[in-house]
PDB file of N, CA and C in Angstrom:
ATOM      1  N   MET A   1     -12.767 -40.695 -41.804  1.00  0.00           N
ATOM      2  CA  MET A   1     -12.639 -41.369 -40.524  1.00  0.00           C
ATOM      3  C   MET A   1     -11.937 -40.429 -39.540  1.00  0.00           C
ATOM      4  N   ASN A   2     -12.483 -40.295 -38.371  1.00  0.00           N
ATOM      5  CA  ASN A   2     -11.877 -39.457 -37.341  1.00  0.00           C
ATOM      6  C   ASN A   2     -10.885 -40.266 -36.522  1.00  0.00           C
ATOM      7  N   THR A   3      -9.817 -39.615 -36.110  1.00  0.00           N
ATOM      8  CA  THR A   3      -8.877 -40.259 -35.201  1.00  0.00           C
ATOM      9  C   THR A   3      -9.064 -39.651 -33.824  1.00  0.00           C
ATOM     10  N   ILE A   4      -8.548 -40.318 -32.823  1.00  0.00           N
ATOM     11  CA  ILE A   4      -8.676 -39.793 -31.459  1.00  0.00           C
ATOM     12  C   ILE A   4      -7.848 -38.538 -31.264  1.00  0.00           C
ATOM     13  N   TYR A   5      -6.989 -38.232 -32.239  1.00  0.00           N
ATOM     14  CA  TYR A   5      -6.087 -37.093 -32.109  1.00  0.00           C
ATOM     15  C   TYR A   5      -6.506 -35.901 -32.958  1.00  0.00           C
ATOM     16  N   GLU A   6      -7.735 -35.881 -33.472  1.00  0.00           N
ATOM     17  CA  GLU A   6      -8.090 -34.947 -34.524  1.00  0.00           C
ATOM     18  C   GLU A   6      -7.846 -33.475 -34.211  1.00  0.00           C
ATOM     19  N   ASP A   7      -7.853 -33.045 -32.953  1.00  0.00           N
ATOM     20  CA  ASP A   7      -7.633 -31.639 -32.672  1.00  0.00           C
ATOM     21  C   ASP A   7      -6.225 -31.341 -32.192  1.00  0.00           C
ATOM     22  N   LYS A   8      -5.294 -32.195 -32.452  1.00  0.00           N
ATOM     23  CA  LYS A   8      -3.920 -31.974 -32.010  1.00  0.00           C
ATOM     24  C   LYS A   8      -3.003 -31.858 -33.213  1.00  0.00           C
ATOM     25  N   SER A   9      -1.886 -31.185 -33.014  1.00  0.00           N
ATOM     26  CA  SER A   9      -0.915 -31.048 -34.100  1.00  0.00           C
ATOM     27  C   SER A   9      -0.241 -32.382 -34.395  1.00  0.00           C
ATOM     28  N   ALA A  10       0.360 -32.469 -35.564  1.00  0.00           N
ATOM     29  CA  ALA A  10       1.069 -33.689 -35.956  1.00  0.00           C
ATOM     30  C   ALA A  10       2.168 -34.013 -34.951  1.00  0.00           C
ATOM     31  N   SER A  11       2.859 -33.001 -34.440  1.00  0.00           N
ATOM     32  CA  SER A  11       3.919 -33.229 -33.454  1.00  0.00           C
ATOM     33  C   SER A  11       3.362 -33.824 -32.169  1.00  0.00           C
ATOM     34  N   GLN A  12       2.213 -33.331 -31.752  1.00  0.00           N
ATOM     35  CA  GLN A  12       1.585 -33.867 -30.543  1.00  0.00           C
ATOM     36  C   GLN A  12       1.117 -35.299 -30.764  1.00  0.00           C
ATOM     37  N   LYS A  13       0.535 -35.564 -31.930  1.00  0.00           N
ATOM     38  CA  LYS A  13       0.078 -36.915 -32.247  1.00  0.00           C
ATOM     39  C   LYS A  13       1.258 -37.882 -32.271  1.00  0.00           C
ATOM     40  N   PHE A  14       2.331 -37.464 -32.926  1.00  0.00           N
ATOM     41  CA  PHE A  14       3.527 -38.292 -33.002  1.00  0.00           C
ATOM     42  C   PHE A  14       4.051 -38.576 -31.596  1.00  0.00           C
ATOM     43  N   GLY A  15       4.115 -37.549 -30.770  1.00  0.00           N
ATOM     44  CA  GLY A  15       4.584 -37.711 -29.396  1.00  0.00           C
ATOM     45  C   GLY A  15       3.729 -38.669 -28.596  1.00  0.00           C
ATOM     46  N   GLN A  16       2.419 -38.625 -28.811  1.00  0.00           N
ATOM     47  CA  GLN A  16       1.525 -39.540 -28.108  1.00  0.00           C
ATOM     48  C   GLN A  16       1.802 -40.983 -28.503  1.00  0.00           C
ATOM     49  N   VAL A  17       2.078 -41.198 -29.786  1.00  0.00           N
ATOM     50  CA  VAL A  17       2.382 -42.551 -30.257  1.00  0.00           C
ATOM     51  C   VAL A  17       3.673 -43.045 -29.619  1.00  0.00           C
ATOM     52  N   ILE A  18       4.695 -42.196 -29.595  1.00  0.00           N
ATOM     53  CA  ILE A  18       5.981 -42.575 -28.999  1.00  0.00           C
ATOM     54  C   ILE A  18       5.784 -42.925 -27.531  1.00  0.00           C
ATOM     55  N   LYS A  19       5.059 -42.082 -26.826  1.00  0.00           N
ATOM     56  CA  LYS A  19       4.820 -42.316 -25.402  1.00  0.00           C
ATOM     57  C   LYS A  19       4.058 -43.618 -25.181  1.00  0.00           C
ATOM     58  N   ALA A  20       3.037 -43.867 -25.992  1.00  0.00           N
ATOM     59  CA  ALA A  20       2.244 -45.090 -25.845  1.00  0.00           C
ATOM     60  C   ALA A  20       3.096 -46.336 -26.108  1.00  0.00           C
ATOM     61  N   LEU A  21       3.923 -46.287 -27.152  1.00  0.00           N
ATOM     62  CA  LEU A  21       4.798 -47.425 -27.448  1.00  0.00           C
ATOM     63  C   LEU A  21       5.822 -47.629 -26.337  1.00  0.00           C
ATOM     64  N   ARG A  22       6.348 -46.521 -25.824  1.00  0.00           N
ATOM     65  CA  ARG A  22       7.333 -46.611 -24.727  1.00  0.00           C
ATOM     66  C   ARG A  22       6.692 -47.276 -23.508  1.00  0.00           C
ATOM     67  N   LYS A  23       5.498 -46.835 -23.160  1.00  0.00           N
ATOM     68  CA  LYS A  23       4.817 -47.402 -21.989  1.00  0.00           C
ATOM     69  C   LYS A  23       4.416 -48.852 -22.228  1.00  0.00           C
ATOM     70  N   LYS A  24       4.000 -49.178 -23.462  1.00  0.00           N
ATOM     71  CA  LYS A  24       3.633 -50.555 -23.796  1.00  0.00           C
ATOM     72  C   LYS A  24       4.816 -51.490 -23.558  1.00  0.00           C
ATOM     73  N   ARG A  25       6.008 -50.993 -23.817  1.00  0.00           N
ATOM     74  CA  ARG A  25       7.220 -51.797 -23.609  1.00  0.00           C
ATOM     75  C   ARG A  25       7.768 -51.658 -22.190  1.00  0.00           C
ATOM     76  N   GLN A  26       7.027 -50.927 -21.372  1.00  0.00           N
ATOM     77  CA  GLN A  26       7.378 -50.712 -19.964  1.00  0.00           C
ATOM     78  C   GLN A  26       8.751 -50.050 -19.820  1.00  0.00           C
ATOM     79  N   PHE A  27       9.022 -49.086 -20.713  1.00  0.00           N
ATOM     80  CA  PHE A  27      10.247 -48.299 -20.639  1.00  0.00           C
ATOM     81  C   PHE A  27       9.934 -46.976 -19.961  1.00  0.00           C
ATOM     82  N   THR A  28      10.861 -46.497 -19.171  1.00  0.00           N
ATOM     83  CA  THR A  28      10.800 -45.123 -18.701  1.00  0.00           C
ATOM     84  C   THR A  28      11.416 -44.248 -19.790  1.00  0.00           C
ATOM     85  N   GLN A  29      11.285 -42.948 -19.645  1.00  0.00           N
ATOM     86  CA  GLN A  29      11.967 -42.055 -20.590  1.00  0.00           C
ATOM     87  C   GLN A  29      13.478 -42.263 -20.496  1.00  0.00           C
ATOM     88  N   GLU A  30      13.964 -42.562 -19.311  1.00  0.00           N
ATOM     89  CA  GLU A  30      15.396 -42.821 -19.129  1.00  0.00           C
ATOM     90  C   GLU A  30      15.828 -44.076 -19.884  1.00  0.00           C
ATOM     91  N   ASP A  31      14.986 -45.129 -19.838  1.00  0.00           N
ATOM     92  CA  ASP A  31      15.279 -46.357 -20.578  1.00  0.00           C
ATOM     93  C   ASP A  31      15.370 -46.072 -22.073  1.00  0.00           C
ATOM     94  N   LEU A  32      14.382 -45.345 -22.591  1.00  0.00           N
ATOM     95  CA  LEU A  32      14.371 -45.020 -24.010  1.00  0.00           C
ATOM     96  C   LEU A  32      15.562 -44.146 -24.376  1.00  0.00           C
ATOM     97  N   SER A  33      15.903 -43.231 -23.504  1.00  0.00           N
ATOM     98  CA  SER A  33      17.064 -42.378 -23.726  1.00  0.00           C
ATOM     99  C   SER A  33      18.342 -43.203 -23.856  1.00  0.00           C
ATOM    100  N   GLU A  34      18.512 -44.135 -22.947  1.00  0.00           N
ATOM    101  CA  GLU A  34      19.693 -45.005 -22.958  1.00  0.00           C
ATOM    102  C   GLU A  34      19.755 -45.856 -24.217  1.00  0.00           C
ATOM    103  N   LYS A  35      18.623 -46.447 -24.583  1.00  0.00           N
ATOM    104  CA  LYS A  35      18.577 -47.358 -25.724  1.00  0.00           C
ATOM    105  C   LYS A  35      18.716 -46.632 -27.062  1.00  0.00           C
ATOM    106  N   SER A  36      18.299 -45.377 -27.114  1.00  0.00           N
ATOM    107  CA  SER A  36      18.330 -44.624 -28.370  1.00  0.00           C
ATOM    108  C   SER A  36      19.485 -43.626 -28.454  1.00  0.00           C
ATOM    109  N   ASP A  37      20.167 -43.406 -27.331  1.00  0.00           N
ATOM    110  CA  ASP A  37      21.242 -42.406 -27.252  1.00  0.00           C
ATOM    111  C   ASP A  37      20.714 -40.998 -27.556  1.00  0.00           C
ATOM    112  N   ILE A  38      19.505 -40.736 -27.055  1.00  0.00           N
ATOM    113  CA  ILE A  38      18.869 -39.426 -27.178  1.00  0.00           C
ATOM    114  C   ILE A  38      18.604 -38.935 -25.758  1.00  0.00           C
ATOM    115  N   GLY A  39      18.862 -37.687 -25.502  1.00  0.00           N
ATOM    116  CA  GLY A  39      18.700 -37.136 -24.158  1.00  0.00           C
ATOM    117  C   GLY A  39      17.280 -37.260 -23.622  1.00  0.00           C
ATOM    118  N   VAL A  40      17.172 -37.449 -22.326  1.00  0.00           N
ATOM    119  CA  VAL A  40      15.868 -37.585 -21.664  1.00  0.00           C
ATOM    120  C   VAL A  40      15.003 -36.352 -21.906  1.00  0.00           C
ATOM    121  N   GLN A  41      15.596 -35.181 -21.810  1.00  0.00           N
ATOM    122  CA  GLN A  41      14.815 -33.959 -22.011  1.00  0.00           C
ATOM    123  C   GLN A  41      14.277 -33.879 -23.434  1.00  0.00           C
ATOM    124  N   TYR A  42      15.066 -34.340 -24.399  1.00  0.00           N
ATOM    125  CA  TYR A  42      14.606 -34.320 -25.788  1.00  0.00           C
ATOM    126  C   TYR A  42      13.488 -35.343 -25.990  1.00  0.00           C
ATOM    127  N   ILE A  43      13.612 -36.507 -25.367  1.00  0.00           N
ATOM    128  CA  ILE A  43      12.543 -37.513 -25.411  1.00  0.00           C
ATOM    129  C   ILE A  43      11.249 -36.895 -24.861  1.00  0.00           C
ATOM    130  N   SER A  44      11.355 -36.208 -23.752  1.00  0.00           N
ATOM    131  CA  SER A  44      10.199 -35.560 -23.137  1.00  0.00           C
ATOM    132  C   SER A  44       9.577 -34.545 -24.093  1.00  0.00           C
ATOM    133  N   ARG A  45      10.411 -33.741 -24.736  1.00  0.00           N
ATOM    134  CA  ARG A  45       9.917 -32.729 -25.680  1.00  0.00           C
ATOM    135  C   ARG A  45       9.253 -33.375 -26.894  1.00  0.00           C
ATOM    136  N   ILE A  46       9.785 -34.505 -27.342  1.00  0.00           N
ATOM    137  CA  ILE A  46       9.149 -35.230 -28.451  1.00  0.00           C
ATOM    138  C   ILE A  46       7.770 -35.710 -28.024  1.00  0.00           C
ATOM    139  N   GLU A  47       7.694 -36.300 -26.848  1.00  0.00           N
ATOM    140  CA  GLU A  47       6.423 -36.848 -26.358  1.00  0.00           C
ATOM    141  C   GLU A  47       5.361 -35.772 -26.137  1.00  0.00           C
ATOM    142  N   THR A  48       5.767 -34.573 -25.815  1.00  0.00           N
ATOM    143  CA  THR A  48       4.795 -33.495 -25.602  1.00  0.00           C
ATOM    144  C   THR A  48       4.520 -32.707 -26.874  1.00  0.00           C
ATOM    145  N   GLY A  49       5.248 -33.022 -27.942  1.00  0.00           N
ATOM    146  CA  GLY A  49       5.015 -32.354 -29.219  1.00  0.00           C
ATOM    147  C   GLY A  49       5.705 -31.026 -29.370  1.00  0.00           C
ATOM    148  N   THR A  50       6.638 -30.710 -28.478  1.00  0.00           N
ATOM    149  CA  THR A  50       7.346 -29.428 -28.572  1.00  0.00           C
ATOM    150  C   THR A  50       8.665 -29.541 -29.331  1.00  0.00           C
ATOM    151  N   ALA A  51       9.050 -30.756 -29.701  1.00  0.00           N
ATOM    152  CA  ALA A  51      10.259 -30.964 -30.503  1.00  0.00           C
ATOM    153  C   ALA A  51       9.857 -31.522 -31.861  1.00  0.00           C
ATOM    154  N   ASN A  52      10.674 -31.237 -32.851  1.00  0.00           N
ATOM    155  CA  ASN A  52      10.447 -31.732 -34.202  1.00  0.00           C
ATOM    156  C   ASN A  52      11.659 -32.582 -34.585  1.00  0.00           C
ATOM    157  N   PRO A  53      11.635 -33.876 -34.241  1.00  0.00           N
ATOM    158  CA  PRO A  53      12.823 -34.715 -34.421  1.00  0.00           C
ATOM    159  C   PRO A  53      13.168 -34.966 -35.888  1.00  0.00           C
ATOM    160  N   THR A  54      14.443 -35.153 -36.127  1.00  0.00           N
ATOM    161  CA  THR A  54      14.928 -35.496 -37.463  1.00  0.00           C
ATOM    162  C   THR A  54      14.653 -36.962 -37.751  1.00  0.00           C
ATOM    163  N   LEU A  55      14.825 -37.349 -39.002  1.00  0.00           N
ATOM    164  CA  LEU A  55      14.650 -38.742 -39.380  1.00  0.00           C
ATOM    165  C   LEU A  55      15.657 -39.634 -38.651  1.00  0.00           C
ATOM    166  N   LYS A  56      16.859 -39.124 -38.429  1.00  0.00           N
ATOM    167  CA  LYS A  56      17.881 -39.883 -37.696  1.00  0.00           C
ATOM    168  C   LYS A  56      17.391 -40.188 -36.273  1.00  0.00           C
ATOM    169  N   VAL A  57      16.815 -39.200 -35.616  1.00  0.00           N
ATOM    170  CA  VAL A  57      16.293 -39.384 -34.254  1.00  0.00           C
ATOM    171  C   VAL A  57      15.096 -40.329 -34.266  1.00  0.00           C
ATOM    172  N   ILE A  58      14.208 -40.154 -35.229  1.00  0.00           N
ATOM    173  CA  ILE A  58      13.038 -41.024 -35.331  1.00  0.00           C
ATOM    174  C   ILE A  58      13.476 -42.468 -35.544  1.00  0.00           C
ATOM    175  N   SER A  59      14.473 -42.662 -36.394  1.00  0.00           N
ATOM    176  CA  SER A  59      14.994 -44.015 -36.646  1.00  0.00           C
ATOM    177  C   SER A  59      15.590 -44.618 -35.386  1.00  0.00           C
ATOM    178  N   ALA A  60      16.330 -43.827 -34.615  1.00  0.00           N
ATOM    179  CA  ALA A  60      16.926 -44.315 -33.368  1.00  0.00           C
ATOM    180  C   ALA A  60      15.839 -44.717 -32.374  1.00  0.00           C
ATOM    181  N   ILE A  61      14.778 -43.947 -32.315  1.00  0.00           N
ATOM    182  CA  ILE A  61      13.664 -44.273 -31.424  1.00  0.00           C
ATOM    183  C   ILE A  61      12.989 -45.560 -31.877  1.00  0.00           C
ATOM    184  N   ALA A  62      12.787 -45.703 -33.184  1.00  0.00           N
ATOM    185  CA  ALA A  62      12.163 -46.923 -33.716  1.00  0.00           C
ATOM    186  C   ALA A  62      12.978 -48.152 -33.348  1.00  0.00           C
ATOM    187  N   VAL A  63      14.287 -48.078 -33.514  1.00  0.00           N
ATOM    188  CA  VAL A  63      15.158 -49.209 -33.169  1.00  0.00           C
ATOM    189  C   VAL A  63      15.059 -49.497 -31.670  1.00  0.00           C
ATOM    190  N   ALA A  64      15.128 -48.454 -30.851  1.00  0.00           N
ATOM    191  CA  ALA A  64      15.077 -48.628 -29.401  1.00  0.00           C
ATOM    192  C   ALA A  64      13.759 -49.242 -28.946  1.00  0.00           C
ATOM    193  N   LEU A  65      12.677 -48.887 -29.634  1.00  0.00           N
ATOM    194  CA  LEU A  65      11.352 -49.409 -29.271  1.00  0.00           C
ATOM    195  C   LEU A  65      11.032 -50.711 -30.009  1.00  0.00           C
ATOM    196  N   ASP A  66      11.942 -51.162 -30.853  1.00  0.00           N
ATOM    197  CA  ASP A  66      11.722 -52.348 -31.679  1.00  0.00           C
ATOM    198  C   ASP A  66      10.410 -52.204 -32.451  1.00  0.00           C
ATOM    199  N   ALA A  67      10.255 -51.060 -33.102  1.00  0.00           N
ATOM    200  CA  ALA A  67       9.039 -50.734 -33.840  1.00  0.00           C
ATOM    201  C   ALA A  67       9.383 -50.390 -35.288  1.00  0.00           C
ATOM    202  N   ALA A  68       8.495 -50.718 -36.186  1.00  0.00           N
ATOM    203  CA  ALA A  68       8.653 -50.320 -37.583  1.00  0.00           C
ATOM    204  C   ALA A  68       8.343 -48.828 -37.703  1.00  0.00           C
ATOM    205  N   LEU A  69       9.025 -48.155 -38.612  1.00  0.00           N
ATOM    206  CA  LEU A  69       8.782 -46.721 -38.793  1.00  0.00           C
ATOM    207  C   LEU A  69       7.304 -46.388 -39.012  1.00  0.00           C
ATOM    208  N   PRO A  70       6.567 -47.137 -39.856  1.00  0.00           N
ATOM    209  CA  PRO A  70       5.143 -46.806 -40.022  1.00  0.00           C
ATOM    210  C   PRO A  70       4.345 -46.846 -38.721  1.00  0.00           C
ATOM    211  N   GLU A  71       4.747 -47.710 -37.805  1.00  0.00           N
ATOM    212  CA  GLU A  71       4.048 -47.811 -36.516  1.00  0.00           C
ATOM    213  C   GLU A  71       4.158 -46.501 -35.736  1.00  0.00           C
ATOM    214  N   LEU A  72       5.275 -45.810 -35.888  1.00  0.00           N
ATOM    215  CA  LEU A  72       5.470 -44.549 -35.175  1.00  0.00           C
ATOM    216  C   LEU A  72       4.548 -43.448 -35.693  1.00  0.00           C
ATOM    217  N   PHE A  73       4.069 -43.627 -36.905  1.00  0.00           N
ATOM    218  CA  PHE A  73       3.223 -42.603 -37.517  1.00  0.00           C
ATOM    219  C   PHE A  73       1.750 -42.994 -37.544  1.00  0.00           C
ATOM    220  N   SER A  74       1.392 -44.047 -36.821  1.00  0.00           N
ATOM    221  CA  SER A  74      -0.008 -44.458 -36.782  1.00  0.00           C
ATOM    222  C   SER A  74      -0.844 -43.357 -36.134  1.00  0.00           C
ATOM    223  N   GLY A  75      -2.020 -43.159 -36.666  1.00  0.00           N
ATOM    224  CA  GLY A  75      -2.908 -42.126 -36.127  1.00  0.00           C
ATOM    225  C   GLY A  75      -2.669 -40.754 -36.702  1.00  0.00           C
ATOM    226  N   LEU A  76      -1.701 -40.619 -37.595  1.00  0.00           N
ATOM    227  CA  LEU A  76      -1.413 -39.317 -38.178  1.00  0.00           C
ATOM    228  C   LEU A  76      -2.095 -39.124 -39.530  1.00  0.00           C
ATOM    229  N   GLU A  77      -2.906 -40.094 -39.935  1.00  0.00           N
ATOM    230  CA  GLU A  77      -3.569 -39.993 -41.217  1.00  0.00           C
ATOM    231  C   GLU A  77      -4.442 -38.750 -41.286  1.00  0.00           C
ATOM    232  N   LYS A  78      -4.485 -38.181 -42.456  1.00  0.00           N
ATOM    233  CA  LYS A  78      -5.311 -37.002 -42.670  1.00  0.00           C
ATOM    234  C   LYS A  78      -6.776 -37.396 -42.581  1.00  0.00           C
ATOM    235  N   ASN A  79      -7.559 -36.580 -41.952  1.00  0.00           N
ATOM    236  CA  ASN A  79      -8.999 -36.803 -41.840  1.00  0.00           C
ATOM    237  C   ASN A  79      -9.636 -36.489 -43.188  1.00  0.00           C
ATOM    238  N   ASN A  80     -10.219 -37.487 -43.816  1.00  0.00           N
ATOM    239  CA  ASN A  80     -10.806 -37.304 -45.149  1.00  0.00           C
ATOM    240  C   ASN A  80     -12.319 -37.224 -45.145  1.00  0.00           C
ATOM    241  N   ASP A  81     -12.938 -36.960 -44.022  1.00  0.00           N
ATOM    242  CA  ASP A  81     -14.413 -36.871 -43.954  1.00  0.00           C
ATOM    243  C   ASP A  81     -14.902 -35.547 -44.495  1.00  0.00           C
TER     244      ASP A  81
END
């Protein structure tokens, strides 16, 4: 099965999911930064795939977005075709 992210790195795919969830909740990057205690610039780097966040940071983002950890990794499945 192909995903819409098939030609992007895992970091980029992860960032797209974070950005989509943030926008779905109508949060700005500043809102997410405040709720997660993570800097706005780092949030931006995560969303663009240029940062590789730790599990601690990922957990803080999940709590701030009121999302389950697996939801943050949706679309990252390996293409098995």
